[in-house]
Amino acid sequence: MPSLRYSGEVGGLKAVLDNHLSSIDDCSNQLNLAGEFMRIINLILAVFLPPLAAFLQVGISKHFFINIVLTLLGLLPGIIHAVWLVVTNHKG
């Protein structure tokens, strides 16, 4: 009958798992930084090209068309709407 003995491999497995979890955390942090960078770029676009920022934020949706109308009525309403879409992280 085989005996059950602790061979110390569990500690090695724990080290491997800790290493993988650490690399997953690093990837998660990099993705978060990329998302924040894109949000800043989208805010800059919201000021200079409001319909483009609205499109990148919500795609072809009612908010995109609302932004086009607001921008045609006056640049400031289009900017305010595009900034609002980006800041609230509104999705189409």
N, C-alpha and C. Protein backbone atom coordinates (compact mmCIF):
# COMPACT_ATOMS: atom_id res chain seq x y z
N MET A 1 0.83 -1.16 0.00
CA MET A 1 0.00 0.00 0.00
C MET A 1 0.89 1.24 0.00
N PRO A 2 0.67 2.19 -0.97
CA PRO A 2 1.52 3.37 -1.02
C PRO A 2 1.24 4.29 0.16
N SER A 3 2.30 4.87 0.67
CA SER A 3 2.14 5.78 1.80
C SER A 3 2.01 7.21 1.28
N LEU A 4 1.22 8.00 1.96
CA LEU A 4 1.03 9.41 1.61
C LEU A 4 2.01 10.23 2.43
N ARG A 5 2.97 10.79 1.75
CA ARG A 5 3.97 11.60 2.44
C ARG A 5 4.04 12.96 1.76
N TYR A 6 4.30 13.93 2.55
CA TYR A 6 4.49 15.29 2.04
C TYR A 6 5.89 15.37 1.44
N SER A 7 5.95 15.69 0.16
CA SER A 7 7.24 15.69 -0.52
C SER A 7 7.81 17.09 -0.70
N GLY A 8 7.07 18.11 -0.32
CA GLY A 8 7.56 19.46 -0.47
C GLY A 8 7.21 20.09 -1.81
N GLU A 9 6.55 19.35 -2.69
CA GLU A 9 6.20 19.89 -3.99
C GLU A 9 5.10 20.94 -3.91
N VAL A 10 4.33 20.93 -2.87
CA VAL A 10 3.25 21.91 -2.73
C VAL A 10 3.84 23.31 -2.64
N GLY A 11 4.95 23.45 -1.94
CA GLY A 11 5.61 24.75 -1.84
C GLY A 11 6.08 25.25 -3.19
N GLY A 12 6.61 24.34 -4.01
CA GLY A 12 7.04 24.70 -5.35
C GLY A 12 5.86 25.11 -6.22
N LEU A 13 4.76 24.39 -6.08
CA LEU A 13 3.55 24.72 -6.83
C LEU A 13 3.02 26.08 -6.41
N LYS A 14 3.08 26.36 -5.13
CA LYS A 14 2.63 27.66 -4.63
C LYS A 14 3.47 28.78 -5.22
N ALA A 15 4.77 28.57 -5.32
CA ALA A 15 5.66 29.59 -5.89
C ALA A 15 5.33 29.82 -7.36
N VAL A 16 5.06 28.75 -8.09
CA VAL A 16 4.71 28.89 -9.50
C VAL A 16 3.40 29.64 -9.65
N LEU A 17 2.40 29.30 -8.84
CA LEU A 17 1.12 29.98 -8.90
C LEU A 17 1.26 31.45 -8.52
N ASP A 18 2.04 31.75 -7.50
CA ASP A 18 2.27 33.15 -7.11
C ASP A 18 2.91 33.93 -8.24
N ASN A 19 3.86 33.30 -8.94
CA ASN A 19 4.52 33.95 -10.06
C ASN A 19 3.52 34.25 -11.17
N HIS A 20 2.64 33.29 -11.50
CA HIS A 20 1.64 33.51 -12.54
C HIS A 20 0.64 34.57 -12.13
N LEU A 21 0.21 34.56 -10.89
CA LEU A 21 -0.73 35.58 -10.42
C LEU A 21 -0.10 36.96 -10.47
N SER A 22 1.17 37.04 -10.16
CA SER A 22 1.88 38.32 -10.23
C SER A 22 1.92 38.84 -11.67
N SER A 23 2.17 37.95 -12.64
CA SER A 23 2.22 38.38 -14.03
C SER A 23 0.83 38.76 -14.53
N ILE A 24 -0.20 38.11 -14.02
CA ILE A 24 -1.58 38.49 -14.38
C ILE A 24 -1.89 39.87 -13.84
N ASP A 25 -1.46 40.18 -12.62
CA ASP A 25 -1.67 41.51 -12.04
C ASP A 25 -0.94 42.56 -12.87
N ASP A 26 0.27 42.25 -13.32
CA ASP A 26 1.03 43.20 -14.15
C ASP A 26 0.29 43.49 -15.45
N CYS A 27 -0.25 42.45 -16.08
CA CYS A 27 -1.01 42.64 -17.32
C CYS A 27 -2.26 43.47 -17.07
N SER A 28 -2.92 43.22 -15.96
CA SER A 28 -4.12 43.97 -15.61
C SER A 28 -3.78 45.44 -15.41
N ASN A 29 -2.67 45.73 -14.75
CA ASN A 29 -2.26 47.12 -14.54
C ASN A 29 -1.94 47.80 -15.87
N GLN A 30 -1.30 47.08 -16.79
CA GLN A 30 -0.97 47.66 -18.09
C GLN A 30 -2.24 47.94 -18.88
N LEU A 31 -3.22 47.05 -18.82
CA LEU A 31 -4.48 47.28 -19.51
C LEU A 31 -5.21 48.48 -18.93
N ASN A 32 -5.16 48.65 -17.61
CA ASN A 32 -5.79 49.78 -16.96
C ASN A 32 -5.13 51.08 -17.41
N LEU A 33 -3.80 51.08 -17.51
CA LEU A 33 -3.09 52.27 -17.97
C LEU A 33 -3.44 52.59 -19.42
N ALA A 34 -3.57 51.57 -20.25
CA ALA A 34 -3.94 51.78 -21.64
C ALA A 34 -5.35 52.37 -21.74
N GLY A 35 -6.26 51.89 -20.90
CA GLY A 35 -7.62 52.42 -20.88
C GLY A 35 -7.66 53.87 -20.45
N GLU A 36 -6.86 54.23 -19.45
CA GLU A 36 -6.79 55.62 -19.00
C GLU A 36 -6.18 56.51 -20.07
N PHE A 37 -5.17 56.01 -20.78
CA PHE A 37 -4.57 56.78 -21.86
C PHE A 37 -5.59 57.06 -22.95
N MET A 38 -6.37 56.06 -23.33
CA MET A 38 -7.39 56.24 -24.36
C MET A 38 -8.47 57.21 -23.90
N ARG A 39 -8.77 57.19 -22.62
CA ARG A 39 -9.78 58.12 -22.10
C ARG A 39 -9.28 59.56 -22.20
N ILE A 40 -8.00 59.78 -21.92
CA ILE A 40 -7.42 61.13 -22.05
C ILE A 40 -7.44 61.57 -23.51
N ILE A 41 -7.06 60.67 -24.41
CA ILE A 41 -7.09 60.98 -25.84
C ILE A 41 -8.51 61.32 -26.28
N ASN A 42 -9.48 60.57 -25.78
CA ASN A 42 -10.87 60.81 -26.14
C ASN A 42 -11.36 62.16 -25.60
N LEU A 43 -10.89 62.55 -24.42
CA LEU A 43 -11.25 63.86 -23.88
C LEU A 43 -10.67 64.98 -24.74
N ILE A 44 -9.45 64.82 -25.20
CA ILE A 44 -8.85 65.82 -26.09
C ILE A 44 -9.63 65.90 -27.39
N LEU A 45 -10.00 64.75 -27.94
CA LEU A 45 -10.81 64.74 -29.17
C LEU A 45 -12.18 65.37 -28.93
N ALA A 46 -12.73 65.21 -27.73
CA ALA A 46 -14.05 65.78 -27.42
C ALA A 46 -14.02 67.30 -27.53
N VAL A 47 -12.88 67.90 -27.25
CA VAL A 47 -12.78 69.35 -27.34
C VAL A 47 -12.58 69.81 -28.78
N PHE A 48 -11.76 69.10 -29.54
CA PHE A 48 -11.43 69.54 -30.90
C PHE A 48 -12.31 68.94 -31.99
N LEU A 49 -12.74 67.70 -31.82
CA LEU A 49 -13.59 67.02 -32.81
C LEU A 49 -14.69 66.25 -32.08
N PRO A 50 -15.70 66.97 -31.58
CA PRO A 50 -16.72 66.31 -30.75
C PRO A 50 -17.41 65.11 -31.39
N PRO A 51 -17.82 65.17 -32.67
CA PRO A 51 -18.47 63.98 -33.24
C PRO A 51 -17.56 62.75 -33.29
N LEU A 52 -16.27 62.95 -33.53
CA LEU A 52 -15.34 61.82 -33.55
C LEU A 52 -15.21 61.21 -32.17
N ALA A 53 -15.11 62.05 -31.15
CA ALA A 53 -15.04 61.55 -29.78
C ALA A 53 -16.32 60.80 -29.41
N ALA A 54 -17.46 61.33 -29.82
CA ALA A 54 -18.73 60.66 -29.54
C ALA A 54 -18.79 59.31 -30.25
N PHE A 55 -18.33 59.28 -31.50
CA PHE A 55 -18.32 58.01 -32.24
C PHE A 55 -17.41 56.99 -31.57
N LEU A 56 -16.22 57.40 -31.15
CA LEU A 56 -15.30 56.46 -30.50
C LEU A 56 -15.84 55.97 -29.17
N GLN A 57 -16.64 56.80 -28.51
CA GLN A 57 -17.17 56.42 -27.20
C GLN A 57 -18.40 55.52 -27.32
N VAL A 58 -19.33 55.88 -28.20
CA VAL A 58 -20.61 55.16 -28.24
C VAL A 58 -20.89 54.46 -29.56
N GLY A 59 -20.06 54.68 -30.57
CA GLY A 59 -20.31 54.07 -31.87
C GLY A 59 -21.46 54.77 -32.58
N ILE A 60 -22.02 54.08 -33.56
CA ILE A 60 -23.17 54.64 -34.29
C ILE A 60 -24.40 54.38 -33.42
N SER A 61 -24.79 55.40 -32.70
CA SER A 61 -25.97 55.28 -31.83
C SER A 61 -26.65 56.64 -31.80
N LYS A 62 -27.71 56.72 -31.03
CA LYS A 62 -28.46 57.99 -30.96
C LYS A 62 -27.58 59.12 -30.43
N HIS A 63 -26.67 58.83 -29.51
CA HIS A 63 -25.82 59.88 -28.95
C HIS A 63 -24.86 60.43 -29.99
N PHE A 64 -24.42 59.60 -30.92
CA PHE A 64 -23.56 60.08 -31.99
C PHE A 64 -24.31 61.09 -32.85
N PHE A 65 -25.54 60.76 -33.23
CA PHE A 65 -26.32 61.66 -34.07
C PHE A 65 -26.74 62.92 -33.30
N ILE A 66 -27.04 62.77 -32.02
CA ILE A 66 -27.34 63.94 -31.18
C ILE A 66 -26.13 64.87 -31.16
N ASN A 67 -24.94 64.29 -31.05
CA ASN A 67 -23.74 65.10 -31.01
C ASN A 67 -23.51 65.83 -32.33
N ILE A 68 -23.78 65.19 -33.43
CA ILE A 68 -23.63 65.86 -34.73
C ILE A 68 -24.57 67.05 -34.81
N VAL A 69 -25.83 66.87 -34.40
CA VAL A 69 -26.80 67.98 -34.44
C VAL A 69 -26.36 69.10 -33.51
N LEU A 70 -25.94 68.75 -32.29
CA LEU A 70 -25.49 69.77 -31.34
C LEU A 70 -24.27 70.52 -31.86
N THR A 71 -23.36 69.82 -32.51
CA THR A 71 -22.16 70.47 -33.06
C THR A 71 -22.53 71.39 -34.22
N LEU A 72 -23.50 70.99 -35.03
CA LEU A 72 -23.94 71.86 -36.13
C LEU A 72 -24.67 73.09 -35.61
N LEU A 73 -25.37 72.96 -34.49
CA LEU A 73 -26.06 74.11 -33.90
C LEU A 73 -25.08 75.08 -33.25
N GLY A 74 -23.98 74.59 -32.82
CA GLY A 74 -22.96 75.41 -32.19
C GLY A 74 -21.88 74.50 -31.65
N LEU A 75 -20.66 74.91 -31.76
CA LEU A 75 -19.56 74.03 -31.35
C LEU A 75 -19.60 73.72 -29.86
N LEU A 76 -19.92 74.70 -29.03
CA LEU A 76 -19.90 74.51 -27.58
C LEU A 76 -20.88 73.43 -27.10
N PRO A 77 -22.13 73.39 -27.58
CA PRO A 77 -23.02 72.29 -27.14
C PRO A 77 -22.49 70.90 -27.54
N GLY A 78 -21.88 70.81 -28.72
CA GLY A 78 -21.30 69.54 -29.14
C GLY A 78 -20.13 69.12 -28.25
N ILE A 79 -19.31 70.10 -27.87
CA ILE A 79 -18.18 69.81 -26.98
C ILE A 79 -18.68 69.35 -25.62
N ILE A 80 -19.64 70.06 -25.08
CA ILE A 80 -20.18 69.70 -23.75
C ILE A 80 -20.76 68.29 -23.78
N HIS A 81 -21.50 67.97 -24.82
CA HIS A 81 -22.10 66.64 -24.93
C HIS A 81 -21.03 65.56 -25.07
N ALA A 82 -20.03 65.80 -25.89
CA ALA A 82 -18.96 64.81 -26.09
C ALA A 82 -18.16 64.60 -24.81
N VAL A 83 -17.85 65.68 -24.10
CA VAL A 83 -17.13 65.56 -22.83
C VAL A 83 -17.98 64.78 -21.83
N TRP A 84 -19.28 65.06 -21.80
CA TRP A 84 -20.18 64.33 -20.89
C TRP A 84 -20.17 62.84 -21.21
N LEU A 85 -20.18 62.48 -22.49
CA LEU A 85 -20.16 61.07 -22.87
C LEU A 85 -18.89 60.39 -22.39
N VAL A 86 -17.75 61.08 -22.52
CA VAL A 86 -16.47 60.48 -22.14
C VAL A 86 -16.34 60.39 -20.62
N VAL A 87 -16.71 61.48 -19.92
CA VAL A 87 -16.53 61.50 -18.46
C VAL A 87 -17.43 60.48 -17.77
N THR A 88 -18.65 60.33 -18.27
CA THR A 88 -19.57 59.36 -17.65
C THR A 88 -19.32 57.94 -18.16
N ASN A 89 -18.36 57.79 -19.11
CA ASN A 89 -18.03 56.48 -19.68
C ASN A 89 -19.27 55.83 -20.29
N HIS A 90 -20.05 56.64 -20.96
CA HIS A 90 -21.28 56.18 -21.58
C HIS A 90 -20.96 55.25 -22.75
N LYS A 91 -21.62 54.14 -22.81
CA LYS A 91 -21.43 53.16 -23.89
C LYS A 91 -22.68 53.09 -24.73
N GLY A 92 -22.50 52.87 -26.02
CA GLY A 92 -23.62 52.81 -26.95
C GLY A 92 -24.32 51.54 -26.83
